[in-house]
PDB file of N, CA and C in Angstrom:
ATOM      1  N   MET A   1     -86.714  56.291  24.988  1.00  0.00           N
ATOM      2  CA  MET A   1     -85.545  55.429  24.983  1.00  0.00           C
ATOM      3  C   MET A   1     -85.365  54.760  26.349  1.00  0.00           C
ATOM      4  N   ARG A   2     -85.531  55.544  27.389  1.00  0.00           N
ATOM      5  CA  ARG A   2     -85.366  54.969  28.739  1.00  0.00           C
ATOM      6  C   ARG A   2     -86.368  53.859  29.007  1.00  0.00           C
ATOM      7  N   GLU A   3     -87.627  54.075  28.586  1.00  0.00           N
ATOM      8  CA  GLU A   3     -88.660  53.072  28.803  1.00  0.00           C
ATOM      9  C   GLU A   3     -88.315  51.773  28.080  1.00  0.00           C
ATOM     10  N   ASN A   4     -87.866  51.880  26.837  1.00  0.00           N
ATOM     11  CA  ASN A   4     -87.461  50.712  26.055  1.00  0.00           C
ATOM     12  C   ASN A   4     -86.309  49.989  26.752  1.00  0.00           C
ATOM     13  N   TYR A   5     -85.329  50.745  27.190  1.00  0.00           N
ATOM     14  CA  TYR A   5     -84.162  50.178  27.879  1.00  0.00           C
ATOM     15  C   TYR A   5     -84.598  49.436  29.145  1.00  0.00           C
ATOM     16  N   GLU A   6     -85.504  50.031  29.910  1.00  0.00           N
ATOM     17  CA  GLU A   6     -85.960  49.395  31.150  1.00  0.00           C
ATOM     18  C   GLU A   6     -86.702  48.090  30.876  1.00  0.00           C
ATOM     19  N   GLN A   7     -87.450  48.016  29.777  1.00  0.00           N
ATOM     20  CA  GLN A   7     -88.142  46.780  29.416  1.00  0.00           C
ATOM     21  C   GLN A   7     -87.143  45.657  29.133  1.00  0.00           C
ATOM     22  N   TRP A   8     -86.072  45.990  28.398  1.00  0.00           N
ATOM     23  CA  TRP A   8     -85.034  44.993  28.121  1.00  0.00           C
ATOM     24  C   TRP A   8     -84.346  44.565  29.409  1.00  0.00           C
ATOM     25  N   ARG A   9     -84.016  45.521  30.278  1.00  0.00           N
ATOM     26  CA  ARG A   9     -83.316  45.204  31.536  1.00  0.00           C
ATOM     27  C   ARG A   9     -84.185  44.360  32.468  1.00  0.00           C
ATOM     28  N   ALA A  10     -85.505  44.553  32.419  1.00  0.00           N
ATOM     29  CA  ALA A  10     -86.410  43.758  33.246  1.00  0.00           C
ATOM     30  C   ALA A  10     -86.516  42.324  32.728  1.00  0.00           C
ATOM     31  N   ALA A  11     -86.323  42.138  31.430  1.00  0.00           N
ATOM     32  CA  ALA A  11     -86.478  40.817  30.819  1.00  0.00           C
ATOM     33  C   ALA A  11     -85.177  40.017  30.759  1.00  0.00           C
ATOM     34  N   PHE A  12     -84.033  40.706  30.672  1.00  0.00           N
ATOM     35  CA  PHE A  12     -82.739  40.029  30.494  1.00  0.00           C
ATOM     36  C   PHE A  12     -81.682  40.660  31.396  1.00  0.00           C
ATOM     37  N   ASP A  13     -80.774  39.856  31.879  1.00  0.00           N
ATOM     38  CA  ASP A  13     -79.601  40.396  32.601  1.00  0.00           C
ATOM     39  C   ASP A  13     -78.490  40.605  31.571  1.00  0.00           C
ATOM     40  N   VAL A  14     -78.692  41.600  30.722  1.00  0.00           N
ATOM     41  CA  VAL A  14     -77.855  41.805  29.537  1.00  0.00           C
ATOM     42  C   VAL A  14     -76.443  42.266  29.867  1.00  0.00           C
ATOM     43  N   ARG A  15     -75.526  41.794  29.035  1.00  0.00           N
ATOM     44  CA  ARG A  15     -74.121  42.212  29.063  1.00  0.00           C
ATOM     45  C   ARG A  15     -73.735  42.505  27.620  1.00  0.00           C
ATOM     46  N   PHE A  16     -73.340  43.732  27.357  1.00  0.00           N
ATOM     47  CA  PHE A  16     -72.960  44.151  26.012  1.00  0.00           C
ATOM     48  C   PHE A  16     -71.451  44.112  25.851  1.00  0.00           C
ATOM     49  N   THR A  17     -71.008  43.660  24.691  1.00  0.00           N
ATOM     50  CA  THR A  17     -69.615  43.739  24.291  1.00  0.00           C
ATOM     51  C   THR A  17     -69.557  44.588  23.030  1.00  0.00           C
ATOM     52  N   VAL A  18     -68.709  45.601  23.038  1.00  0.00           N
ATOM     53  CA  VAL A  18     -68.519  46.419  21.843  1.00  0.00           C
ATOM     54  C   VAL A  18     -67.504  45.705  20.962  1.00  0.00           C
ATOM     55  N   ASP A  19     -67.934  45.295  19.774  1.00  0.00           N
ATOM     56  CA  ASP A  19     -67.069  44.562  18.857  1.00  0.00           C
ATOM     57  C   ASP A  19     -66.284  45.516  17.951  1.00  0.00           C
ATOM     58  N   ASP A  20     -66.915  46.571  17.489  1.00  0.00           N
ATOM     59  CA  ASP A  20     -66.278  47.603  16.657  1.00  0.00           C
ATOM     60  C   ASP A  20     -67.000  48.912  16.910  1.00  0.00           C
ATOM     61  N   GLN A  21     -66.265  50.001  16.752  1.00  0.00           N
ATOM     62  CA  GLN A  21     -66.899  51.312  16.873  1.00  0.00           C
ATOM     63  C   GLN A  21     -66.125  52.317  16.036  1.00  0.00           C
ATOM     64  N   ILE A  22     -66.868  53.089  15.247  1.00  0.00           N
ATOM     65  CA  ILE A  22     -66.231  54.132  14.444  1.00  0.00           C
ATOM     66  C   ILE A  22     -67.035  55.419  14.608  1.00  0.00           C
ATOM     67  N   ALA A  23     -66.356  56.540  14.466  1.00  0.00           N
ATOM     68  CA  ALA A  23     -67.019  57.838  14.579  1.00  0.00           C
ATOM     69  C   ALA A  23     -66.560  58.726  13.443  1.00  0.00           C
ATOM     70  N   GLN A  24     -67.480  59.541  12.958  1.00  0.00           N
ATOM     71  CA  GLN A  24     -67.162  60.528  11.943  1.00  0.00           C
ATOM     72  C   GLN A  24     -68.127  61.690  12.132  1.00  0.00           C
ATOM     73  N   GLY A  25     -67.580  62.863  12.306  1.00  0.00           N
ATOM     74  CA  GLY A  25     -68.420  64.036  12.512  1.00  0.00           C
ATOM     75  C   GLY A  25     -69.274  63.869  13.752  1.00  0.00           C
ATOM     76  N   ASP A  26     -70.584  63.997  13.583  1.00  0.00           N
ATOM     77  CA  ASP A  26     -71.492  63.908  14.726  1.00  0.00           C
ATOM     78  C   ASP A  26     -72.133  62.526  14.871  1.00  0.00           C
ATOM     79  N   ARG A  27     -71.604  61.518  14.157  1.00  0.00           N
ATOM     80  CA  ARG A  27     -72.193  60.175  14.179  1.00  0.00           C
ATOM     81  C   ARG A  27     -71.207  59.125  14.690  1.00  0.00           C
ATOM     82  N   VAL A  28     -71.778  58.146  15.394  1.00  0.00           N
ATOM     83  CA  VAL A  28     -71.001  57.016  15.909  1.00  0.00           C
ATOM     84  C   VAL A  28     -71.740  55.739  15.544  1.00  0.00           C
ATOM     85  N   CYS A  29     -71.013  54.773  15.017  1.00  0.00           N
ATOM     86  CA  CYS A  29     -71.580  53.463  14.699  1.00  0.00           C
ATOM     87  C   CYS A  29     -70.914  52.422  15.585  1.00  0.00           C
ATOM     88  N   THR A  30     -71.727  51.612  16.236  1.00  0.00           N
ATOM     89  CA  THR A  30     -71.217  50.578  17.136  1.00  0.00           C
ATOM     90  C   THR A  30     -71.781  49.229  16.710  1.00  0.00           C
ATOM     91  N   ARG A  31     -70.889  48.254  16.508  1.00  0.00           N
ATOM     92  CA  ARG A  31     -71.301  46.855  16.274  1.00  0.00           C
ATOM     93  C   ARG A  31     -71.111  46.154  17.596  1.00  0.00           C
ATOM     94  N   TRP A  32     -72.145  45.477  18.079  1.00  0.00           N
ATOM     95  CA  TRP A  32     -72.108  44.925  19.423  1.00  0.00           C
ATOM     96  C   TRP A  32     -72.660  43.502  19.476  1.00  0.00           C
ATOM     97  N   THR A  33     -72.320  42.826  20.574  1.00  0.00           N
ATOM     98  CA  THR A  33     -72.885  41.522  20.902  1.00  0.00           C
ATOM     99  C   THR A  33     -73.480  41.626  22.295  1.00  0.00           C
ATOM    100  N   CYS A  34     -74.680  41.122  22.447  1.00  0.00           N
ATOM    101  CA  CYS A  34     -75.388  41.162  23.726  1.00  0.00           C
ATOM    102  C   CYS A  34     -75.619  39.724  24.180  1.00  0.00           C
ATOM    103  N   ARG A  35     -75.292  39.456  25.428  1.00  0.00           N
ATOM    104  CA  ARG A  35     -75.519  38.128  26.006  1.00  0.00           C
ATOM    105  C   ARG A  35     -76.290  38.305  27.301  1.00  0.00           C
ATOM    106  N   GLY A  36     -77.116  37.329  27.618  1.00  0.00           N
ATOM    107  CA  GLY A  36     -77.853  37.422  28.864  1.00  0.00           C
ATOM    108  C   GLY A  36     -78.727  36.211  29.080  1.00  0.00           C
ATOM    109  N   THR A  37     -79.436  36.250  30.199  1.00  0.00           N
ATOM    110  CA  THR A  37     -80.375  35.195  30.556  1.00  0.00           C
ATOM    111  C   THR A  37     -81.765  35.804  30.599  1.00  0.00           C
ATOM    112  N   HIS A  38     -82.724  35.104  30.021  1.00  0.00           N
ATOM    113  CA  HIS A  38     -84.112  35.572  29.983  1.00  0.00           C
ATOM    114  C   HIS A  38     -84.721  35.356  31.367  1.00  0.00           C
ATOM    115  N   LYS A  39     -84.847  36.437  32.141  1.00  0.00           N
ATOM    116  CA  LYS A  39     -85.281  36.338  33.537  1.00  0.00           C
ATOM    117  C   LYS A  39     -86.653  36.942  33.804  1.00  0.00           C
ATOM    118  N   GLY A  40     -87.242  37.609  32.815  1.00  0.00           N
ATOM    119  CA  GLY A  40     -88.560  38.227  33.000  1.00  0.00           C
ATOM    120  C   GLY A  40     -89.308  38.262  31.686  1.00  0.00           C
ATOM    121  N   GLU A  41     -90.588  38.644  31.733  1.00  0.00           N
ATOM    122  CA  GLU A  41     -91.415  38.651  30.535  1.00  0.00           C
ATOM    123  C   GLU A  41     -90.825  39.565  29.458  1.00  0.00           C
ATOM    124  N   PHE A  42     -90.885  39.085  28.201  1.00  0.00           N
ATOM    125  CA  PHE A  42     -90.429  39.867  27.060  1.00  0.00           C
ATOM    126  C   PHE A  42     -91.391  39.646  25.908  1.00  0.00           C
ATOM    127  N   LEU A  43     -92.051  40.697  25.467  1.00  0.00           N
ATOM    128  CA  LEU A  43     -93.016  40.635  24.369  1.00  0.00           C
ATOM    129  C   LEU A  43     -94.039  39.521  24.572  1.00  0.00           C
ATOM    130  N   GLY A  44     -94.522  39.390  25.810  1.00  0.00           N
ATOM    131  CA  GLY A  44     -95.533  38.391  26.142  1.00  0.00           C
ATOM    132  C   GLY A  44     -94.989  37.009  26.431  1.00  0.00           C
ATOM    133  N   VAL A  45     -93.672  36.817  26.321  1.00  0.00           N
ATOM    134  CA  VAL A  45     -93.059  35.514  26.585  1.00  0.00           C
ATOM    135  C   VAL A  45     -92.587  35.495  28.037  1.00  0.00           C
ATOM    136  N   PRO A  46     -93.140  34.597  28.866  1.00  0.00           N
ATOM    137  CA  PRO A  46     -92.689  34.535  30.257  1.00  0.00           C
ATOM    138  C   PRO A  46     -91.232  34.090  30.344  1.00  0.00           C
ATOM    139  N   ALA A  47     -90.591  34.401  31.446  1.00  0.00           N
ATOM    140  CA  ALA A  47     -89.177  34.047  31.655  1.00  0.00           C
ATOM    141  C   ALA A  47     -88.952  32.569  31.384  1.00  0.00           C
ATOM    142  N   THR A  48     -87.878  32.271  30.645  1.00  0.00           N
ATOM    143  CA  THR A  48     -87.541  30.889  30.302  1.00  0.00           C
ATOM    144  C   THR A  48     -86.274  30.416  31.000  1.00  0.00           C
ATOM    145  N   GLY A  49     -85.478  31.348  31.489  1.00  0.00           N
ATOM    146  CA  GLY A  49     -84.177  30.988  32.058  1.00  0.00           C
ATOM    147  C   GLY A  49     -83.142  30.678  30.990  1.00  0.00           C
ATOM    148  N   GLN A  50     -83.516  30.861  29.725  1.00  0.00           N
ATOM    149  CA  GLN A  50     -82.655  30.548  28.579  1.00  0.00           C
ATOM    150  C   GLN A  50     -81.537  31.579  28.435  1.00  0.00           C
ATOM    151  N   ASP A  51     -80.306  31.096  28.235  1.00  0.00           N
ATOM    152  CA  ASP A  51     -79.200  31.985  27.874  1.00  0.00           C
ATOM    153  C   ASP A  51     -79.329  32.334  26.401  1.00  0.00           C
ATOM    154  N   VAL A  52     -79.157  33.617  26.068  1.00  0.00           N
ATOM    155  CA  VAL A  52     -79.315  34.073  24.691  1.00  0.00           C
ATOM    156  C   VAL A  52     -78.129  34.937  24.276  1.00  0.00           C
ATOM    157  N   THR A  53     -77.905  34.996  22.969  1.00  0.00           N
ATOM    158  CA  THR A  53     -76.882  35.856  22.369  1.00  0.00           C
ATOM    159  C   THR A  53     -77.509  36.549  21.165  1.00  0.00           C
ATOM    160  N   MET A  54     -77.237  37.835  21.030  1.00  0.00           N
ATOM    161  CA  MET A  54     -77.774  38.591  19.918  1.00  0.00           C
ATOM    162  C   MET A  54     -76.719  39.596  19.467  1.00  0.00           C
ATOM    163  N   GLU A  55     -76.587  39.748  18.143  1.00  0.00           N
ATOM    164  CA  GLU A  55     -75.667  40.731  17.588  1.00  0.00           C
ATOM    165  C   GLU A  55     -76.457  41.841  16.938  1.00  0.00           C
ATOM    166  N   GLY A  56     -75.863  43.034  16.900  1.00  0.00           N
ATOM    167  CA  GLY A  56     -76.543  44.146  16.265  1.00  0.00           C
ATOM    168  C   GLY A  56     -75.617  45.323  16.040  1.00  0.00           C
ATOM    169  N   MET A  57     -76.197  46.373  15.476  1.00  0.00           N
ATOM    170  CA  MET A  57     -75.455  47.618  15.237  1.00  0.00           C
ATOM    171  C   MET A  57     -76.336  48.785  15.648  1.00  0.00           C
ATOM    172  N   THR A  58     -75.697  49.822  16.139  1.00  0.00           N
ATOM    173  CA  THR A  58     -76.396  51.037  16.529  1.00  0.00           C
ATOM    174  C   THR A  58     -75.676  52.232  15.929  1.00  0.00           C
ATOM    175  N   TRP A  59     -76.444  53.084  15.256  1.00  0.00           N
ATOM    176  CA  TRP A  59     -75.932  54.373  14.762  1.00  0.00           C
ATOM    177  C   TRP A  59     -76.513  55.445  15.658  1.00  0.00           C
ATOM    178  N   GLN A  60     -75.686  56.369  16.097  1.00  0.00           N
ATOM    179  CA  GLN A  60     -76.175  57.470  16.925  1.00  0.00           C
ATOM    180  C   GLN A  60     -75.643  58.788  16.388  1.00  0.00           C
ATOM    181  N   ARG A  61     -76.506  59.803  16.456  1.00  0.00           N
ATOM    182  CA  ARG A  61     -76.094  61.154  16.071  1.00  0.00           C
ATOM    183  C   ARG A  61     -76.134  62.012  17.328  1.00  0.00           C
ATOM    184  N   PHE A  62     -75.090  62.810  17.501  1.00  0.00           N
ATOM    185  CA  PHE A  62     -74.932  63.618  18.704  1.00  0.00           C
ATOM    186  C   PHE A  62     -75.082  65.101  18.393  1.00  0.00           C
ATOM    187  N   ARG A  63     -75.614  65.834  19.355  1.00  0.00           N
ATOM    188  CA  ARG A  63     -75.672  67.295  19.294  1.00  0.00           C
ATOM    189  C   ARG A  63     -75.417  67.809  20.708  1.00  0.00           C
ATOM    190  N   ASP A  64     -74.470  68.705  20.839  1.00  0.00           N
ATOM    191  CA  ASP A  64     -74.117  69.278  22.153  1.00  0.00           C
ATOM    192  C   ASP A  64     -73.774  68.192  23.172  1.00  0.00           C
ATOM    193  N   GLY A  65     -73.088  67.133  22.711  1.00  0.00           N
ATOM    194  CA  GLY A  65     -72.643  66.070  23.615  1.00  0.00           C
ATOM    195  C   GLY A  65     -73.719  65.089  24.032  1.00  0.00           C
ATOM    196  N   ARG A  66     -74.905  65.173  23.439  1.00  0.00           N
ATOM    197  CA  ARG A  66     -75.996  64.272  23.799  1.00  0.00           C
ATOM    198  C   ARG A  66     -76.516  63.566  22.549  1.00  0.00           C
ATOM    199  N   ILE A  67     -77.020  62.354  22.730  1.00  0.00           N
ATOM    200  CA  ILE A  67     -77.621  61.615  21.624  1.00  0.00           C
ATOM    201  C   ILE A  67     -78.927  62.305  21.250  1.00  0.00           C
ATOM    202  N   CYS A  68     -79.063  62.678  19.981  1.00  0.00           N
ATOM    203  CA  CYS A  68     -80.316  63.307  19.536  1.00  0.00           C
ATOM    204  C   CYS A  68     -81.088  62.395  18.574  1.00  0.00           C
ATOM    205  N   GLU A  69     -80.416  61.403  17.983  1.00  0.00           N
ATOM    206  CA  GLU A  69     -81.069  60.408  17.131  1.00  0.00           C
ATOM    207  C   GLU A  69     -80.318  59.094  17.272  1.00  0.00           C
ATOM    208  N   ALA A  70     -81.048  57.983  17.107  1.00  0.00           N
ATOM    209  CA  ALA A  70     -80.413  56.667  17.154  1.00  0.00           C
ATOM    210  C   ALA A  70     -81.184  55.700  16.272  1.00  0.00           C
ATOM    211  N   TRP A  71     -80.455  54.807  15.624  1.00  0.00           N
ATOM    212  CA  TRP A  71     -81.036  53.769  14.778  1.00  0.00           C
ATOM    213  C   TRP A  71     -80.432  52.441  15.216  1.00  0.00           C
ATOM    214  N   TRP A  72     -81.285  51.447  15.462  1.00  0.00           N
ATOM    215  CA  TRP A  72     -80.856  50.127  15.932  1.00  0.00           C
ATOM    216  C   TRP A  72     -81.190  49.080  14.884  1.00  0.00           C
ATOM    217  N   SER A  73     -80.285  48.129  14.718  1.00  0.00           N
ATOM    218  CA  SER A  73     -80.525  46.992  13.839  1.00  0.00           C
ATOM    219  C   SER A  73     -80.035  45.741  14.568  1.00  0.00           C
ATOM    220  N   TYR A  74     -80.949  44.811  14.802  1.00  0.00           N
ATOM    221  CA  TYR A  74     -80.577  43.576  15.499  1.00  0.00           C
ATOM    222  C   TYR A  74     -81.537  42.467  15.094  1.00  0.00           C
ATOM    223  N   ASP A  75     -81.174  41.231  15.413  1.00  0.00           N
ATOM    224  CA  ASP A  75     -81.921  40.054  14.978  1.00  0.00           C
ATOM    225  C   ASP A  75     -82.934  39.634  16.043  1.00  0.00           C
ATOM    226  N   ARG A  76     -84.085  40.321  16.075  1.00  0.00           N
ATOM    227  CA  ARG A  76     -85.107  39.983  17.068  1.00  0.00           C
ATOM    228  C   ARG A  76     -85.697  38.598  16.802  1.00  0.00           C
ATOM    229  N   ALA A  77     -85.847  38.219  15.519  1.00  0.00           N
ATOM    230  CA  ALA A  77     -86.375  36.887  15.200  1.00  0.00           C
ATOM    231  C   ALA A  77     -85.444  35.803  15.737  1.00  0.00           C
ATOM    232  N   GLY A  78     -84.138  36.009  15.588  1.00  0.00           N
ATOM    233  CA  GLY A  78     -83.181  35.049  16.141  1.00  0.00           C
ATOM    234  C   GLY A  78     -83.281  34.949  17.655  1.00  0.00           C
ATOM    235  N   LEU A  79     -83.504  36.078  18.303  1.00  0.00           N
ATOM    236  CA  LEU A  79     -83.683  36.077  19.755  1.00  0.00           C
ATOM    237  C   LEU A  79     -84.934  35.286  20.138  1.00  0.00           C
ATOM    238  N   MET A  80     -86.037  35.523  19.435  1.00  0.00           N
ATOM    239  CA  MET A  80     -87.272  34.816  19.743  1.00  0.00           C
ATOM    240  C   MET A  80     -87.125  33.314  19.488  1.00  0.00           C
ATOM    241  N   GLU A  81     -86.341  32.952  18.475  1.00  0.00           N
ATOM    242  CA  GLU A  81     -86.081  31.536  18.224  1.00  0.00           C
ATOM    243  C   GLU A  81     -85.322  30.913  19.391  1.00  0.00           C
ATOM    244  N   GLN A  82     -84.350  31.638  19.939  1.00  0.00           N
ATOM    245  CA  GLN A  82     -83.603  31.126  21.089  1.00  0.00           C
ATOM    246  C   GLN A  82     -84.494  30.960  22.316  1.00  0.00           C
ATOM    247  N   LEU A  83     -85.558  31.770  22.392  1.00  0.00           N
ATOM    248  CA  LEU A  83     -86.506  31.659  23.515  1.00  0.00           C
ATOM    249  C   LEU A  83     -87.540  30.567  23.282  1.00  0.00           C
ATOM    250  N   GLY A  84     -87.491  29.911  22.098  1.00  0.00           N
ATOM    251  CA  GLY A  84     -88.397  28.807  21.806  1.00  0.00           C
ATOM    252  C   GLY A  84     -89.742  29.251  21.270  1.00  0.00           C
ATOM    253  N   VAL A  85     -89.869  30.516  20.872  1.00  0.00           N
ATOM    254  CA  VAL A  85     -91.150  31.035  20.378  1.00  0.00           C
ATOM    255  C   VAL A  85     -91.327  30.712  18.900  1.00  0.00           C
ATOM    256  N   LEU A  86     -90.256  30.768  18.123  1.00  0.00           N
ATOM    257  CA  LEU A  86     -90.320  30.477  16.697  1.00  0.00           C
ATOM    258  C   LEU A  86     -89.811  29.067  16.446  1.00  0.00           C
ATOM    259  N   GLY A  87     -90.255  28.474  15.357  1.00  0.00           N
ATOM    260  CA  GLY A  87     -89.832  27.108  15.015  1.00  0.00           C
ATOM    261  C   GLY A  87     -88.362  27.025  14.708  1.00  0.00           C
ATOM    262  N   ASP A  88     -87.855  25.800  14.668  1.00  0.00           N
ATOM    263  CA  ASP A  88     -86.426  25.563  14.385  1.00  0.00           C
ATOM    264  C   ASP A  88     -86.093  25.855  12.953  1.00  0.00           C
TER     265      ASP A  88
END
C-alpha cells in the first residue's frame, strides 16, 4: 500500500476531499474527490502539468485499530483522458 501511495504522490500533488463517509462494525466507506496537478511520470506518461480531478470510493476493514483490507474504486480511464492519453 505504501509503495502504491508513493507512486501517486510522486506523480501528482494530490488533495483529497472527503465527500461522504459511513461506518458500520469494522468497515468504513469513504466517497472522495481527488484534485491535483500531474507533476511526475504516471503509468509511463511523463508529467504534463495538467490539472486533474478524479472521484472514487474506498472501503476499508479494520482490525485492532489498523486497516487490514481495502478496496478502491475510481475512474482511472477518466484520469488518463484528462492527461491526454485516451481519445476524446
